[in-house]
Amino acid sequence: MSRVAAIGEERRVRGFALAGVSVVAVADEAAARDAWEALDADISLVILTPTAAHGLRRALTTDARRLWVELPG
């Protein structure tokens, strides 16, 4: 079964936990990259804050394992 995760600043992603999303709160772009690499294999969709997405630009264009969406700024 596929799951959904959210990566970004806590204040922007914590509410997704109410819908069963795995939330990974990060403080900066480097932490977002670490979180992306640590995601479980069954995560198929990742919700990203703009800060997290900026830190992940390279991975997002080369990693076809999962879908992602960036929240509006």
Protein backbone atom coordinates (compact mmCIF):
# COMPACT_ATOMS: atom_id res chain seq x y z
CA MET A 1 0.00 0.00 0.00
CA SER A 2 1.31 3.46 -0.87
CA ARG A 3 1.56 6.23 1.66
CA VAL A 4 1.89 10.03 1.61
CA ALA A 5 4.53 12.13 3.37
CA ALA A 6 4.97 15.87 3.91
CA ILE A 7 8.38 17.51 4.27
CA GLY A 8 8.89 21.10 5.38
CA GLU A 9 8.70 23.61 8.17
CA GLU A 10 6.65 22.28 11.07
CA ARG A 11 4.12 25.11 11.05
CA ARG A 12 3.36 24.39 7.37
CA VAL A 13 3.13 20.58 7.48
CA ARG A 14 1.92 19.55 10.93
CA GLY A 15 -1.77 19.71 9.99
CA PHE A 16 -1.33 17.01 7.36
CA ALA A 17 -0.83 14.50 10.17
CA LEU A 18 -4.57 14.81 10.89
CA ALA A 19 -5.20 13.17 7.51
CA GLY A 20 -2.77 10.33 8.14
CA VAL A 21 0.16 11.84 6.27
CA SER A 22 3.64 11.02 7.57
CA VAL A 23 5.03 14.42 8.55
CA VAL A 24 8.74 15.18 8.55
CA ALA A 25 9.43 18.62 10.01
CA VAL A 26 12.70 20.16 8.82
CA ALA A 27 14.37 23.47 9.56
CA ASP A 28 16.37 24.00 6.37
CA GLU A 29 17.14 22.75 2.88
CA ALA A 30 19.88 20.36 4.01
CA ALA A 31 17.50 18.67 6.42
CA ALA A 32 14.93 18.38 3.62
CA ARG A 33 17.47 16.51 1.48
CA ASP A 34 18.22 14.17 4.37
CA ALA A 35 14.50 13.59 4.96
CA TRP A 36 13.91 12.81 1.26
CA GLU A 37 16.69 10.21 1.28
CA ALA A 38 15.31 8.64 4.47
CA LEU A 39 11.73 8.21 3.22
CA ASP A 40 10.38 4.68 3.34
CA ALA A 41 10.04 2.85 0.03
CA ASP A 42 6.23 2.77 0.32
CA ILE A 43 5.96 6.59 0.19
CA SER A 44 4.59 7.35 -3.28
CA LEU A 45 3.55 11.01 -2.90
CA VAL A 46 5.44 13.76 -1.08
CA ILE A 47 4.00 17.17 -0.18
CA LEU A 48 6.76 19.79 0.00
CA THR A 49 6.90 23.33 1.32
CA PRO A 50 8.67 25.83 -0.97
CA THR A 51 11.79 25.74 1.22
CA ALA A 52 11.97 21.95 1.10
CA ALA A 53 11.31 21.90 -2.65
CA HIS A 54 14.08 24.42 -3.25
CA GLY A 55 16.55 22.23 -1.40
CA LEU A 56 15.40 19.19 -3.34
CA ARG A 57 15.42 20.61 -6.89
CA ARG A 58 18.11 18.25 -8.12
CA ALA A 59 16.57 15.15 -6.55
CA LEU A 60 13.11 16.07 -7.81
CA THR A 61 14.30 16.17 -11.41
CA THR A 62 16.27 12.93 -11.26
CA ASP A 63 14.32 10.70 -8.85
CA ALA A 64 11.35 9.04 -10.53
CA ARG A 65 10.48 6.80 -7.57
CA ARG A 66 7.69 9.03 -6.29
CA LEU A 67 5.39 11.91 -7.16
CA TRP A 68 5.66 15.25 -5.40
CA VAL A 69 3.76 18.49 -5.11
CA GLU A 70 4.93 21.88 -3.86
CA LEU A 71 2.65 23.94 -1.65
CA PRO A 72 2.09 27.53 -2.74
CA GLY A 73 4.35 30.13 -1.13
